């Protein structure tokens, strides 16, 4: 089953919520903070608590690599694939290189870590994206209009009268998407831009960061981003779910936060 097939199945199951796995060891319950496999154990507990509520999990590469926890990242992805094979895994690595290096980054994400999709920075053009897209069964999620405040510094710059993010969206919709496996990253903090991107790329799934800790507009995200009721979006929440409690009840608190958000998204989708 391809990444897109998996995603469609999760939408059909009634969820457009993606949970990001962004470990901050200092925010873990005490029993995980000093354990050599504490990140893996924390990740797996969150996964167990929320797997039935999500359309995808999104482990963040740097949050693991900075802790020398690449092996724990790989193990956590393996755990999801073994225990919840219907839930796709997006490796949030934001790779951005060309030629043989891009091909190696693709192998790293898809073969070494076993991810179903990976985030990619398209700043260097098609040569950055296409080595990933050649993996037909995998997803390639292209940064388009991100949620950070300084995104406008470059992404909103006009080229032939249109912002750069629209050019990226159109390339991803058409020229780069020969295998039908491209998606876009569009931040929830930019609802007007999301509406323009959806018009330019009517078919592409959108990975939407910025809900929760970043204060993105959930109602506008669903209104402007979905392709049909209950479809088209991977609305990501990380810190608001992972650290809903920093005590021993962290897993049940994470589940309640994810359940609330999942239900809010669905209510807005079918309003």
Protein backbone atom coordinates (compact mmCIF):
# COMPACT_ATOMS: atom_id res chain seq x y z
CA UNK A 1 0.00 0.00 0.00
CA UNK A 2 1.39 3.43 -0.92
CA UNK A 3 1.63 6.37 1.45
CA UNK A 4 -1.25 8.08 -0.36
CA UNK A 5 -3.35 4.90 -0.08
CA UNK A 6 -2.62 4.70 3.64
CA UNK A 7 -3.56 8.33 4.08
CA UNK A 8 -6.81 7.91 2.18
CA UNK A 9 -7.69 4.95 4.39
CA UNK A 10 -7.06 6.94 7.57
CA UNK A 11 -9.23 9.78 6.28
CA UNK A 12 -11.93 7.23 5.56
CA UNK A 13 -11.55 6.02 9.15
CA UNK A 14 -12.44 9.51 10.34
CA UNK A 15 -9.26 11.38 11.21
CA UNK A 16 -7.18 14.19 9.74
CA UNK A 17 -5.04 14.57 12.87
CA UNK A 18 -1.28 14.00 12.69
CA UNK A 19 0.71 13.73 15.92
CA UNK A 20 4.31 14.91 15.82
CA UNK A 21 6.93 13.15 17.90
CA UNK A 22 9.20 16.02 19.00
CA UNK A 23 10.98 14.79 22.14
CA UNK A 24 12.17 17.31 24.71
CA UNK A 25 13.80 15.07 27.30
CA UNK A 26 13.54 17.73 30.02
CA UNK A 27 9.74 17.66 29.68
CA UNK A 28 9.45 13.89 30.06
CA UNK A 29 8.16 12.29 33.25
CA UNK A 30 11.10 11.64 35.56
CA UNK A 31 11.31 7.91 34.85
CA UNK A 32 12.19 8.56 31.18
CA UNK A 33 14.62 11.44 31.60
CA UNK A 34 17.72 9.46 32.55
CA UNK A 35 16.87 6.13 30.93
CA UNK A 36 19.15 5.32 28.01
CA UNK A 37 16.12 4.43 25.86
CA UNK A 38 13.86 7.06 27.40
CA UNK A 39 13.03 8.79 24.10
CA UNK A 40 11.99 5.53 22.47
CA UNK A 41 9.90 4.56 25.50
CA UNK A 42 8.22 7.97 25.62
CA UNK A 43 7.50 7.90 21.88
CA UNK A 44 6.03 4.43 22.05
CA UNK A 45 3.78 5.34 24.97
CA UNK A 46 2.42 8.31 23.01
CA UNK A 47 1.92 6.10 19.96
CA UNK A 48 0.02 3.49 21.97
CA UNK A 49 -2.20 6.20 23.48
CA UNK A 50 -3.11 7.91 20.19
CA UNK A 51 -2.68 5.51 17.25
CA UNK A 52 -6.40 4.99 16.69
CA UNK A 53 -6.97 8.75 16.57
CA UNK A 54 -4.40 9.80 13.95
CA UNK A 55 -3.94 9.79 10.20
CA UNK A 56 -0.13 9.78 10.61
CA UNK A 57 2.73 10.13 13.05
CA UNK A 58 5.50 12.63 12.31
CA UNK A 59 8.78 12.04 14.19
CA UNK A 60 11.10 15.03 13.96
CA UNK A 61 14.62 14.06 12.95
CA UNK A 62 16.62 16.82 14.64
CA UNK A 63 14.90 16.32 17.99
CA UNK A 64 16.29 12.78 17.98
CA UNK A 65 19.66 13.41 16.33
CA UNK A 66 20.55 16.21 18.77
CA UNK A 67 20.15 13.67 21.58
CA UNK A 68 22.25 11.05 19.73
CA UNK A 69 19.00 9.09 19.57
CA UNK A 70 18.96 8.10 15.90
CA UNK A 71 18.74 4.43 16.90
CA UNK A 72 15.77 5.23 19.12
CA UNK A 73 14.14 7.10 16.22
CA UNK A 74 14.55 4.07 13.99
CA UNK A 75 13.22 1.80 16.73
CA UNK A 76 10.19 4.03 17.28
CA UNK A 77 9.35 4.00 13.58
CA UNK A 78 9.78 0.23 13.59
CA UNK A 79 7.42 -0.01 16.54
CA UNK A 80 4.73 1.93 14.69
CA UNK A 81 5.18 -0.20 11.57
CA UNK A 82 4.91 -3.40 13.59
CA UNK A 83 2.10 -2.50 15.97
CA UNK A 84 0.06 -0.08 13.86
CA UNK A 85 0.86 -0.86 10.20
CA UNK A 86 -2.20 1.04 9.00
CA UNK A 87 -0.79 4.36 10.31
CA UNK A 88 1.80 5.98 8.02
CA UNK A 89 4.98 7.58 9.37
CA UNK A 90 6.29 10.91 8.09
CA UNK A 91 9.96 11.60 8.82
CA UNK A 92 10.19 15.34 9.35
CA UNK A 93 13.74 15.90 8.13
CA UNK A 94 13.30 18.80 5.66
CA UNK A 95 16.03 17.48 3.40
CA UNK A 96 17.22 19.79 0.63
CA UNK A 97 20.06 18.69 -1.63
CA UNK A 98 20.59 17.56 -5.21
CA UNK A 99 21.85 14.67 -7.28
CA UNK A 100 23.45 11.69 -5.59
CA UNK A 101 23.17 13.34 -2.17
CA UNK A 102 19.40 13.73 -2.51
CA UNK A 103 19.22 10.09 -3.59
CA UNK A 104 21.11 9.10 -0.44
CA UNK A 105 18.83 11.19 1.74
CA UNK A 106 15.88 9.40 0.14
CA UNK A 107 17.44 6.04 0.95
CA UNK A 108 18.10 7.20 4.50
CA UNK A 109 14.46 8.15 5.04
CA UNK A 110 12.78 5.27 3.26
CA UNK A 111 15.20 2.36 3.58
CA UNK A 112 17.24 3.03 6.72
CA UNK A 113 14.53 4.57 8.89
CA UNK A 114 11.58 2.90 7.18
CA UNK A 115 9.46 6.04 6.89
CA UNK A 116 6.47 6.20 4.55
CA UNK A 117 7.03 9.87 3.71
CA UNK A 118 9.58 12.62 4.26
CA UNK A 119 9.55 16.41 4.27
CA UNK A 120 11.70 18.07 1.59
CA UNK A 121 12.93 21.65 1.07
CA UNK A 122 12.52 22.55 -2.63
CA UNK A 123 14.74 25.65 -2.64
CA UNK A 124 17.22 24.04 -5.06
CA UNK A 125 14.46 23.09 -7.49
CA UNK A 126 13.35 19.87 -9.13
CA UNK A 127 16.75 18.25 -8.55
CA UNK A 128 15.94 18.32 -4.82
CA UNK A 129 12.48 16.79 -5.10
CA UNK A 130 12.62 14.21 -7.89
CA UNK A 131 15.09 11.74 -6.31
CA UNK A 132 12.58 11.34 -3.48
CA UNK A 133 9.57 11.17 -5.79
CA UNK A 134 11.14 8.28 -7.69
CA UNK A 135 10.15 6.11 -4.71
CA UNK A 136 6.64 5.62 -6.06
CA UNK A 137 5.10 4.09 -2.95
CA UNK A 138 6.45 6.81 -0.65
CA UNK A 139 5.23 10.33 0.06
CA UNK A 140 7.24 13.49 -0.60
CA UNK A 141 5.99 16.46 1.40
CA UNK A 142 7.33 19.70 -0.06
CA UNK A 143 7.73 22.85 2.03
CA UNK A 144 5.44 25.45 0.47
CA UNK A 145 4.22 28.13 2.92
CA UNK A 146 5.48 27.38 6.40
CA UNK A 147 4.09 28.45 9.78
CA UNK A 148 7.08 30.37 11.18
CA UNK A 149 6.85 34.19 11.44
CA UNK A 150 9.74 34.86 9.02
CA UNK A 151 8.33 32.58 6.31
CA UNK A 152 7.31 35.71 4.42
CA UNK A 153 10.95 36.81 4.06
CA UNK A 154 11.33 34.58 1.00
CA UNK A 155 8.17 32.55 0.50
CA UNK A 156 6.00 35.63 -0.10
CA UNK A 157 8.39 37.25 -2.58
CA UNK A 158 6.74 37.94 -5.91
CA UNK A 159 7.86 36.25 -9.13
CA UNK A 160 5.92 37.27 -12.25
CA UNK A 161 3.35 38.84 -9.96
CA UNK A 162 2.76 35.77 -7.78
CA UNK A 163 4.39 34.73 -4.50
CA UNK A 164 7.07 32.06 -4.56
CA UNK A 165 4.87 29.65 -2.60
CA UNK A 166 2.33 29.59 -5.45
CA UNK A 167 5.05 28.64 -7.92
CA UNK A 168 6.10 25.81 -5.58
CA UNK A 169 2.49 24.63 -5.25
CA UNK A 170 1.98 24.54 -9.01
CA UNK A 171 5.22 22.65 -9.63
CA UNK A 172 4.27 20.12 -6.99
CA UNK A 173 0.78 19.72 -8.41
CA UNK A 174 1.97 19.15 -11.97
CA UNK A 175 5.58 19.13 -13.19
CA UNK A 176 7.12 17.28 -10.22
CA UNK A 177 4.23 14.93 -9.54
CA UNK A 178 4.58 12.30 -12.24
CA UNK A 179 4.15 9.50 -9.70
CA UNK A 180 1.26 11.14 -7.87
CA UNK A 181 3.03 11.03 -4.50
CA UNK A 182 3.66 14.69 -3.66
CA UNK A 183 2.12 16.68 -0.81
CA UNK A 184 2.69 20.20 0.53
CA UNK A 185 3.53 21.73 3.90
CA UNK A 186 1.25 24.73 4.54
CA UNK A 187 1.14 26.38 7.96
CA UNK A 188 -2.08 26.93 9.87
CA UNK A 189 -0.84 30.41 10.74
CA UNK A 190 -1.36 31.51 7.11
CA UNK A 191 -5.04 30.83 6.25
CA UNK A 192 -5.27 33.30 3.35
CA UNK A 193 -2.17 31.80 1.78
CA UNK A 194 -3.62 28.33 2.30
CA UNK A 195 -6.71 29.28 0.30
CA UNK A 196 -4.53 30.44 -2.58
CA UNK A 197 -2.41 27.29 -2.42
CA UNK A 198 -5.47 25.05 -2.43
CA UNK A 199 -6.68 26.82 -5.58
CA UNK A 200 -3.27 26.27 -7.22
CA UNK A 201 -2.93 22.67 -6.02
CA UNK A 202 -6.48 21.32 -5.69
CA UNK A 203 -5.51 17.67 -5.35
CA UNK A 204 -2.47 17.57 -3.10
CA UNK A 205 -2.66 16.51 0.56
CA UNK A 206 -1.53 19.25 2.91
CA UNK A 207 0.58 18.70 6.02
CA UNK A 208 -0.42 21.54 8.32
CA UNK A 209 1.83 22.53 11.25
CA UNK A 210 1.08 25.45 13.53
CA UNK A 211 -1.98 24.18 15.43
CA UNK A 212 -1.68 24.12 19.20
CA UNK A 213 1.46 25.73 20.60
CA UNK A 214 1.87 28.03 17.57
CA UNK A 215 -1.73 29.27 17.71
CA UNK A 216 -2.83 28.47 14.15
CA UNK A 217 -6.44 28.91 13.02
CA UNK A 218 -8.04 25.46 13.05
CA UNK A 219 -11.39 26.52 11.58
CA UNK A 220 -9.75 28.37 8.69
CA UNK A 221 -7.38 25.45 8.09
CA UNK A 222 -10.27 23.03 7.64
CA UNK A 223 -12.34 25.50 5.62
CA UNK A 224 -9.61 26.40 3.16
CA UNK A 225 -7.47 23.28 3.16
CA UNK A 226 -9.69 20.24 2.81
CA UNK A 227 -10.39 18.75 -0.61
CA UNK A 228 -13.71 17.25 0.52
CA UNK A 229 -15.32 16.81 3.94
CA UNK A 230 -12.90 14.80 6.07
CA UNK A 231 -10.19 14.63 3.42
CA UNK A 232 -7.12 16.43 2.20
CA UNK A 233 -5.39 17.38 5.45
CA UNK A 234 -2.80 16.13 7.91
CA UNK A 235 -3.25 18.65 10.73
CA UNK A 236 -0.24 18.29 12.99
CA UNK A 237 -0.09 18.79 16.73
CA UNK A 238 3.10 18.03 18.63
CA UNK A 239 3.81 19.79 21.91
CA UNK A 240 0.16 20.37 22.80
CA UNK A 241 -0.40 16.60 22.70
CA UNK A 242 2.95 15.25 23.90
CA UNK A 243 3.15 17.53 26.91
CA UNK A 244 -0.54 17.87 27.82
CA UNK A 245 0.80 16.59 31.14
CA UNK A 246 4.39 16.20 32.26
CA UNK A 247 3.44 13.82 35.05
CA UNK A 248 2.80 10.11 35.20
CA UNK A 249 -0.57 10.62 33.50
CA UNK A 250 1.16 11.97 30.36
CA UNK A 251 -0.16 9.21 28.07
CA UNK A 252 -3.81 9.53 29.13
CA UNK A 253 -3.55 13.32 28.94
CA UNK A 254 -2.05 13.06 25.45
CA UNK A 255 -4.88 10.79 24.38
CA UNK A 256 -7.51 13.20 25.69
CA UNK A 257 -5.89 16.16 23.93
CA UNK A 258 -5.63 14.19 20.66
CA UNK A 259 -9.22 12.99 20.96
CA UNK A 260 -10.48 16.52 21.54
CA UNK A 261 -8.54 17.86 18.58
CA UNK A 262 -9.52 14.97 16.30
CA UNK A 263 -13.19 15.55 17.11
CA UNK A 264 -12.90 19.33 16.62
CA UNK A 265 -11.37 18.78 13.19
CA UNK A 266 -14.10 16.34 12.16
CA UNK A 267 -16.87 18.61 13.43
CA UNK A 268 -15.47 21.50 11.39
CA UNK A 269 -14.98 19.26 8.34
CA UNK A 270 -18.62 18.23 8.24
CA UNK A 271 -20.18 21.46 9.49
